[in-house]
Amino acid sequence: MDRIRVRLFAGARESINLETIDVELQLPSTVHHLKEAIAIQFEPLRRFVEYGRIAINNEFADNSKAIDSKIAQTVIALIPPVSGG
């Protein structure tokens, strides 16, 4: 298993009082599998994973985006849904 560091923002960060989490994930993998691993390993983040998005190097990534050991060393973030006004 590999460890993927994921930065948290807004409600996701506040829900577990952490700025980052380390997620166990077998590489190579996909964003979809990363989201599943986050939801399993960090239950309070499940709702943020369901409605939020994963960003890799400041760009949103779709569920089919591959994650390999090179990408795992970059900035990966869980961005919860936002509303503004």
C-alpha atoms as a PDB file:
ATOM      1  CA  MET A   1       0.000   0.000   0.000  1.00  0.00           C
ATOM      2  CA  ASP A   2       1.061   3.529  -0.731  1.00  0.00           C
ATOM      3  CA  ARG A   3       0.229   6.670   1.220  1.00  0.00           C
ATOM      4  CA  ILE A   4      -1.375   9.600  -0.530  1.00  0.00           C
ATOM      5  CA  ARG A   5      -1.405  12.936   1.293  1.00  0.00           C
ATOM      6  CA  VAL A   6      -4.649  14.842   0.699  1.00  0.00           C
ATOM      7  CA  ARG A   7      -5.190  18.456   1.729  1.00  0.00           C
ATOM      8  CA  LEU A   8      -8.580  19.337   3.204  1.00  0.00           C
ATOM      9  CA  PHE A   9     -10.496  22.597   2.963  1.00  0.00           C
ATOM     10  CA  ALA A  10     -13.507  24.292   4.571  1.00  0.00           C
ATOM     11  CA  GLY A  11     -16.049  21.916   6.138  1.00  0.00           C
ATOM     12  CA  ALA A  12     -13.978  18.828   5.372  1.00  0.00           C
ATOM     13  CA  ARG A  13     -11.043  20.216   7.365  1.00  0.00           C
ATOM     14  CA  GLU A  14     -13.303  21.398  10.178  1.00  0.00           C
ATOM     15  CA  SER A  15     -15.123  18.049  10.416  1.00  0.00           C
ATOM     16  CA  ILE A  16     -11.977  16.201  11.532  1.00  0.00           C
ATOM     17  CA  ASN A  17      -9.758  19.085  12.710  1.00  0.00           C
ATOM     18  CA  LEU A  18      -6.941  18.210  10.298  1.00  0.00           C
ATOM     19  CA  GLU A  19      -5.442  20.108   7.369  1.00  0.00           C
ATOM     20  CA  THR A  20      -4.174  16.943   5.674  1.00  0.00           C
ATOM     21  CA  ILE A  21      -4.834  13.226   5.797  1.00  0.00           C
ATOM     22  CA  ASP A  22      -2.718  10.286   4.657  1.00  0.00           C
ATOM     23  CA  VAL A  23      -4.784   7.783   2.698  1.00  0.00           C
ATOM     24  CA  GLU A  24      -3.675   4.195   2.115  1.00  0.00           C
ATOM     25  CA  LEU A  25      -4.094   3.331  -1.573  1.00  0.00           C
ATOM     26  CA  GLN A  26      -2.595   0.717  -3.861  1.00  0.00           C
ATOM     27  CA  LEU A  27      -0.946   2.445  -6.834  1.00  0.00           C
ATOM     28  CA  PRO A  28      -1.536   2.748  -9.707  1.00  0.00           C
ATOM     29  CA  SER A  29      -5.133   3.699  -9.094  1.00  0.00           C
ATOM     30  CA  THR A  30      -7.773   6.288 -10.000  1.00  0.00           C
ATOM     31  CA  VAL A  31      -9.437   9.300  -8.420  1.00  0.00           C
ATOM     32  CA  HIS A  32     -12.559   7.150  -7.981  1.00  0.00           C
ATOM     33  CA  HIS A  33     -10.622   4.652  -5.866  1.00  0.00           C
ATOM     34  CA  LEU A  34      -8.983   7.457  -3.901  1.00  0.00           C
ATOM     35  CA  LYS A  35     -12.414   8.867  -3.053  1.00  0.00           C
ATOM     36  CA  GLU A  36     -13.609   5.423  -1.945  1.00  0.00           C
ATOM     37  CA  ALA A  37     -10.520   5.003   0.245  1.00  0.00           C
ATOM     38  CA  ILE A  38     -11.049   8.408   1.870  1.00  0.00           C
ATOM     39  CA  ALA A  39     -14.687   7.557   2.648  1.00  0.00           C
ATOM     40  CA  ILE A  40     -13.718   4.200   4.184  1.00  0.00           C
ATOM     41  CA  GLN A  41     -10.657   5.337   6.119  1.00  0.00           C
ATOM     42  CA  PHE A  42     -12.136   8.666   7.279  1.00  0.00           C
ATOM     43  CA  GLU A  43     -15.873   8.108   7.797  1.00  0.00           C
ATOM     44  CA  PRO A  44     -16.632  11.748   8.801  1.00  0.00           C
ATOM     45  CA  LEU A  45     -15.421  12.794   5.318  1.00  0.00           C
ATOM     46  CA  ARG A  46     -17.821  10.496   3.446  1.00  0.00           C
ATOM     47  CA  ARG A  47     -20.373  13.247   2.740  1.00  0.00           C
ATOM     48  CA  PHE A  48     -17.644  15.575   1.474  1.00  0.00           C
ATOM     49  CA  VAL A  49     -16.329  12.872  -0.856  1.00  0.00           C
ATOM     50  CA  GLU A  50     -19.818  12.217  -2.238  1.00  0.00           C
ATOM     51  CA  TYR A  51     -20.449  15.849  -3.174  1.00  0.00           C
ATOM     52  CA  GLY A  52     -16.941  17.308  -3.362  1.00  0.00           C
ATOM     53  CA  ARG A  53     -14.199  17.024  -5.946  1.00  0.00           C
ATOM     54  CA  ILE A  54     -10.583  15.983  -6.007  1.00  0.00           C
ATOM     55  CA  ALA A  55      -8.056  18.477  -7.336  1.00  0.00           C
ATOM     56  CA  ILE A  56      -4.581  17.501  -8.488  1.00  0.00           C
ATOM     57  CA  ASN A  57      -2.098  20.350  -8.844  1.00  0.00           C
ATOM     58  CA  ASN A  58      -4.897  22.931  -8.614  1.00  0.00           C
ATOM     59  CA  GLU A  59      -6.985  21.338 -11.387  1.00  0.00           C
ATOM     60  CA  PHE A  60     -10.161  19.342 -10.835  1.00  0.00           C
ATOM     61  CA  ALA A  61      -9.746  15.690 -11.776  1.00  0.00           C
ATOM     62  CA  ASP A  62     -12.544  13.416 -12.953  1.00  0.00           C
ATOM     63  CA  ASN A  63     -13.061   9.981 -11.414  1.00  0.00           C
ATOM     64  CA  SER A  64     -11.198   8.170 -14.197  1.00  0.00           C
ATOM     65  CA  LYS A  65      -7.984  10.197 -13.772  1.00  0.00           C
ATOM     66  CA  ALA A  66      -5.077   7.857 -13.104  1.00  0.00           C
ATOM     67  CA  ILE A  67      -3.023   8.233  -9.962  1.00  0.00           C
ATOM     68  CA  ASP A  68       0.479   6.826 -10.098  1.00  0.00           C
ATOM     69  CA  SER A  69       3.507   7.282  -7.857  1.00  0.00           C
ATOM     70  CA  LYS A  70       4.521  10.488  -9.681  1.00  0.00           C
ATOM     71  CA  ILE A  71       1.081  12.100  -9.202  1.00  0.00           C
ATOM     72  CA  ALA A  72       0.997  10.849  -5.607  1.00  0.00           C
ATOM     73  CA  GLN A  73       3.929  13.172  -4.852  1.00  0.00           C
ATOM     74  CA  THR A  74       2.049  16.271  -6.058  1.00  0.00           C
ATOM     75  CA  VAL A  75      -0.604  18.400  -4.360  1.00  0.00           C
ATOM     76  CA  ILE A  76      -3.878  16.497  -4.054  1.00  0.00           C
ATOM     77  CA  ALA A  77      -6.857  18.136  -2.368  1.00  0.00           C
ATOM     78  CA  LEU A  78     -10.437  17.327  -1.412  1.00  0.00           C
ATOM     79  CA  ILE A  79     -12.542  20.352  -2.301  1.00  0.00           C
ATOM     80  CA  PRO A  80     -15.986  20.263  -0.686  1.00  0.00           C
ATOM     81  CA  PRO A  81     -18.946  21.818  -2.454  1.00  0.00           C
ATOM     82  CA  VAL A  82     -19.135  25.549  -1.938  1.00  0.00           C
ATOM     83  CA  SER A  83     -21.917  28.051  -2.008  1.00  0.00           C
ATOM     84  CA  GLY A  84     -21.546  31.746  -2.149  1.00  0.00           C
ATOM     85  CA  GLY A  85     -23.532  34.804  -2.609  1.00  0.00           C
END
